């Protein structure tokens, strides 16, 4: 691997050269090769600086452009528990660009996204709808008409998806979907509007 030199060291080469030191002497004083001294002096003569302004920054060329990186971040935010191959397929659908799983992983790291244990969370209640429902029940029904049942829903999360992706220093949170499960025992009901004729399912 080639050695890298700070700009401060490169400018010292220029100053010593202007002070009359030979290129060999500069190399000895700064513990660098004469070839390095020659290269830096050549850059200075051509550009009046010690860094080539047209030199590309080191590192792997990024396949995904900035807009595609933004799409990837939004995709991970929405599909927090997807596997990498699923993200690859969806990213191709949205951008038309097919990338490998290693490339996708490097892109996630570049975006500051890491893999972590998935935290489960239920969907937040809509307090406005909840208040409207309570007001409607109080207005339209009498207490003796109502029968209440609890635990009317079950968690449908996929147990195999225990890990997800999110920005560093944040939790990977998956909001669970709920659906009705079979009610094993339904209490004796009467015809509406008689007593015990309205069934209210908690969490519905």
Protein backbone atom coordinates (compact mmCIF):
# COMPACT_ATOMS: atom_id res chain seq x y z
CA UNK A 1 0.00 0.00 0.00
CA UNK A 2 1.40 3.39 -1.02
CA UNK A 3 2.37 5.82 1.70
CA UNK A 4 0.34 8.97 2.09
CA UNK A 5 1.83 12.29 3.13
CA UNK A 6 0.17 15.23 4.84
CA UNK A 7 -0.13 18.59 3.12
CA UNK A 8 2.08 20.06 5.83
CA UNK A 9 4.93 17.71 4.88
CA UNK A 10 4.44 18.49 1.19
CA UNK A 11 4.67 22.22 1.85
CA UNK A 12 7.88 21.66 3.81
CA UNK A 13 9.33 20.20 0.62
CA UNK A 14 8.42 23.41 -1.23
CA UNK A 15 9.88 25.66 1.49
CA UNK A 16 13.14 23.70 1.66
CA UNK A 17 13.41 23.78 -2.13
CA UNK A 18 12.99 27.57 -2.12
CA UNK A 19 15.66 27.79 0.59
CA UNK A 20 18.13 26.19 -1.81
CA UNK A 21 18.18 22.60 -0.59
CA UNK A 22 18.74 19.95 -3.24
CA UNK A 23 16.11 17.31 -3.86
CA UNK A 24 18.35 14.59 -2.47
CA UNK A 25 19.02 16.63 0.69
CA UNK A 26 15.28 17.30 1.13
CA UNK A 27 14.59 13.57 0.92
CA UNK A 28 17.23 12.83 3.57
CA UNK A 29 15.95 15.53 5.95
CA UNK A 30 12.31 14.45 5.67
CA UNK A 31 12.97 10.70 5.39
CA UNK A 32 11.27 10.37 2.02
CA UNK A 33 12.46 9.27 -1.40
CA UNK A 34 13.82 11.63 -4.05
CA UNK A 35 11.05 10.43 -6.37
CA UNK A 36 8.41 11.65 -3.91
CA UNK A 37 10.15 15.03 -3.73
CA UNK A 38 10.20 15.20 -7.55
CA UNK A 39 6.48 14.38 -7.82
CA UNK A 40 5.42 17.00 -5.28
CA UNK A 41 7.61 19.69 -6.85
CA UNK A 42 6.15 18.84 -10.27
CA UNK A 43 2.60 19.25 -8.93
CA UNK A 44 3.56 22.59 -7.37
CA UNK A 45 5.09 23.89 -10.60
CA UNK A 46 2.00 22.91 -12.59
CA UNK A 47 -0.80 23.87 -10.17
CA UNK A 48 0.84 26.16 -7.56
CA UNK A 49 -0.40 23.81 -4.86
CA UNK A 50 0.84 20.54 -3.38
CA UNK A 51 -2.35 18.57 -4.09
CA UNK A 52 -3.42 17.64 -7.61
CA UNK A 53 -6.87 19.28 -8.00
CA UNK A 54 -7.90 16.71 -10.62
CA UNK A 55 -6.97 13.65 -8.59
CA UNK A 56 -10.00 11.51 -7.78
CA UNK A 57 -10.58 10.72 -4.10
CA UNK A 58 -9.54 7.19 -3.09
CA UNK A 59 -12.09 4.47 -2.50
CA UNK A 60 -14.56 2.32 -4.38
CA UNK A 61 -16.79 4.02 -6.93
CA UNK A 62 -20.36 4.16 -5.60
CA UNK A 63 -22.88 2.38 -7.82
CA UNK A 64 -25.94 4.08 -6.32
CA UNK A 65 -26.26 7.81 -6.86
CA UNK A 66 -27.53 10.24 -4.22
CA UNK A 67 -31.18 10.03 -5.25
CA UNK A 68 -31.05 6.22 -5.21
CA UNK A 69 -29.47 6.32 -1.75
CA UNK A 70 -32.44 8.40 -0.61
CA UNK A 71 -34.83 5.80 -2.05
CA UNK A 72 -32.91 3.08 -0.20
CA UNK A 73 -33.17 4.93 3.12
CA UNK A 74 -36.92 5.41 2.68
CA UNK A 75 -37.30 1.76 1.67
CA UNK A 76 -35.52 0.53 4.80
CA UNK A 77 -37.57 2.90 6.94
CA UNK A 78 -40.78 1.43 5.52
CA UNK A 79 -39.63 -2.22 5.32
CA UNK A 80 -37.54 -2.38 8.46
CA UNK A 81 -37.60 -6.19 8.76
CA UNK A 82 -36.98 -7.13 5.11
CA UNK A 83 -34.09 -9.39 4.15
CA UNK A 84 -31.31 -8.06 1.93
CA UNK A 85 -32.45 -10.02 -1.13
CA UNK A 86 -35.94 -8.55 -0.73
CA UNK A 87 -34.49 -5.05 -0.54
CA UNK A 88 -32.43 -5.75 -3.67
CA UNK A 89 -35.56 -6.75 -5.59
CA UNK A 90 -37.63 -3.78 -4.43
CA UNK A 91 -34.77 -1.36 -5.11
CA UNK A 92 -34.57 -2.69 -8.67
CA UNK A 93 -38.32 -2.13 -9.07
CA UNK A 94 -38.05 1.49 -7.93
CA UNK A 95 -34.77 2.50 -9.59
CA UNK A 96 -34.32 0.03 -12.45
CA UNK A 97 -30.83 -0.75 -11.12
CA UNK A 98 -29.94 -4.28 -9.98
CA UNK A 99 -27.17 -4.40 -7.38
CA UNK A 100 -25.57 -7.32 -5.59
CA UNK A 101 -26.21 -8.07 -1.93
CA UNK A 102 -22.63 -7.04 -0.94
CA UNK A 103 -23.12 -3.74 -2.79
CA UNK A 104 -26.43 -3.18 -1.02
CA UNK A 105 -24.80 -3.92 2.34
CA UNK A 106 -22.02 -1.38 1.67
CA UNK A 107 -24.65 1.17 0.65
CA UNK A 108 -26.54 0.61 3.91
CA UNK A 109 -23.33 1.14 5.88
CA UNK A 110 -22.64 4.32 3.88
CA UNK A 111 -26.15 5.57 4.79
CA UNK A 112 -25.45 4.91 8.47
CA UNK A 113 -27.86 1.96 8.61
CA UNK A 114 -27.00 -1.15 10.62
CA UNK A 115 -28.61 -4.51 11.42
CA UNK A 116 -29.99 -4.98 14.92
CA UNK A 117 -32.52 -6.88 17.03
CA UNK A 118 -36.06 -6.00 16.01
CA UNK A 119 -38.35 -4.31 18.51
CA UNK A 120 -42.07 -4.97 18.16
CA UNK A 121 -44.62 -2.18 18.64
CA UNK A 122 -48.37 -2.00 18.13
CA UNK A 123 -49.97 0.62 15.93
CA UNK A 124 -50.80 3.78 17.85
CA UNK A 125 -54.42 4.39 18.74
CA UNK A 126 -56.26 7.12 16.92
CA UNK A 127 -57.53 9.11 19.88
CA UNK A 128 -59.97 11.12 17.74
CA UNK A 129 -61.66 7.97 16.39
CA UNK A 130 -61.65 6.46 19.87
CA UNK A 131 -63.38 9.50 21.36
CA UNK A 132 -65.90 9.55 18.51
CA UNK A 133 -66.69 5.87 19.08
CA UNK A 134 -67.20 6.36 22.84
CA UNK A 135 -69.52 9.30 22.19
CA UNK A 136 -71.52 7.27 19.65
CA UNK A 137 -71.94 4.33 22.04
CA UNK A 138 -73.08 6.65 24.84
CA UNK A 139 -75.56 8.40 22.53
CA UNK A 140 -77.05 5.47 20.59
CA UNK A 141 -77.13 2.61 23.10
CA UNK A 142 -78.35 1.94 26.62
CA UNK A 143 -76.08 0.28 29.20
CA UNK A 144 -78.28 -2.84 29.40
CA UNK A 145 -77.88 -3.39 25.64
CA UNK A 146 -74.09 -3.68 25.75
CA UNK A 147 -71.92 -6.77 26.18
CA UNK A 148 -68.14 -6.30 26.21
CA UNK A 149 -65.48 -8.84 25.18
CA UNK A 150 -61.71 -8.39 25.48
CA UNK A 151 -58.68 -9.85 23.65
CA UNK A 152 -60.39 -9.87 20.28
CA UNK A 153 -57.16 -9.61 18.32
CA UNK A 154 -54.00 -11.62 17.82
CA UNK A 155 -50.49 -10.66 16.80
CA UNK A 156 -49.67 -11.63 13.19
CA UNK A 157 -45.96 -10.77 13.23
CA UNK A 158 -43.66 -13.26 11.57
CA UNK A 159 -41.51 -14.82 14.27
CA UNK A 160 -38.65 -15.59 11.88
CA UNK A 161 -38.05 -11.88 11.29
CA UNK A 162 -36.21 -11.10 14.49
CA UNK A 163 -33.75 -8.60 13.05
CA UNK A 164 -34.18 -5.39 11.10
CA UNK A 165 -32.32 -2.35 9.80
CA UNK A 166 -32.32 1.24 11.01
CA UNK A 167 -30.02 4.24 11.42
CA UNK A 168 -27.19 3.85 13.90
CA UNK A 169 -28.09 4.64 17.53
CA UNK A 170 -31.80 4.07 16.82
CA UNK A 171 -34.05 1.06 17.41
CA UNK A 172 -35.32 -1.04 14.52
CA UNK A 173 -39.05 -0.96 15.28
CA UNK A 174 -41.67 -2.99 13.44
CA UNK A 175 -45.30 -2.01 13.92
CA UNK A 176 -47.41 -5.14 14.17
CA UNK A 177 -50.57 -5.81 12.23
CA UNK A 178 -53.50 -7.29 14.14
CA UNK A 179 -56.44 -9.35 12.85
CA UNK A 180 -59.55 -10.91 14.31
CA UNK A 181 -59.15 -14.37 15.73
CA UNK A 182 -61.88 -16.93 16.16
CA UNK A 183 -64.04 -16.20 19.17
CA UNK A 184 -64.51 -19.53 20.93
CA UNK A 185 -67.40 -18.60 23.24
CA UNK A 186 -69.90 -15.87 22.42
CA UNK A 187 -72.31 -14.89 25.21
CA UNK A 188 -76.05 -15.27 24.78
CA UNK A 189 -77.26 -12.41 22.58
CA UNK A 190 -80.76 -11.05 22.03
CA UNK A 191 -82.33 -9.31 19.06
CA UNK A 192 -81.66 -5.58 18.75
CA UNK A 193 -82.77 -3.32 20.43
CA UNK A 194 -83.37 -5.65 23.36
CA UNK A 195 -81.10 -6.17 26.35
CA UNK A 196 -77.71 -7.74 25.63
CA UNK A 197 -78.11 -7.14 21.89
CA UNK A 198 -74.92 -5.12 21.14
CA UNK A 199 -71.50 -6.82 21.29
CA UNK A 200 -68.50 -4.50 21.82
CA UNK A 201 -65.07 -6.01 21.07
CA UNK A 202 -62.21 -4.35 22.94
CA UNK A 203 -59.16 -3.49 20.78
CA UNK A 204 -61.31 -3.66 17.64
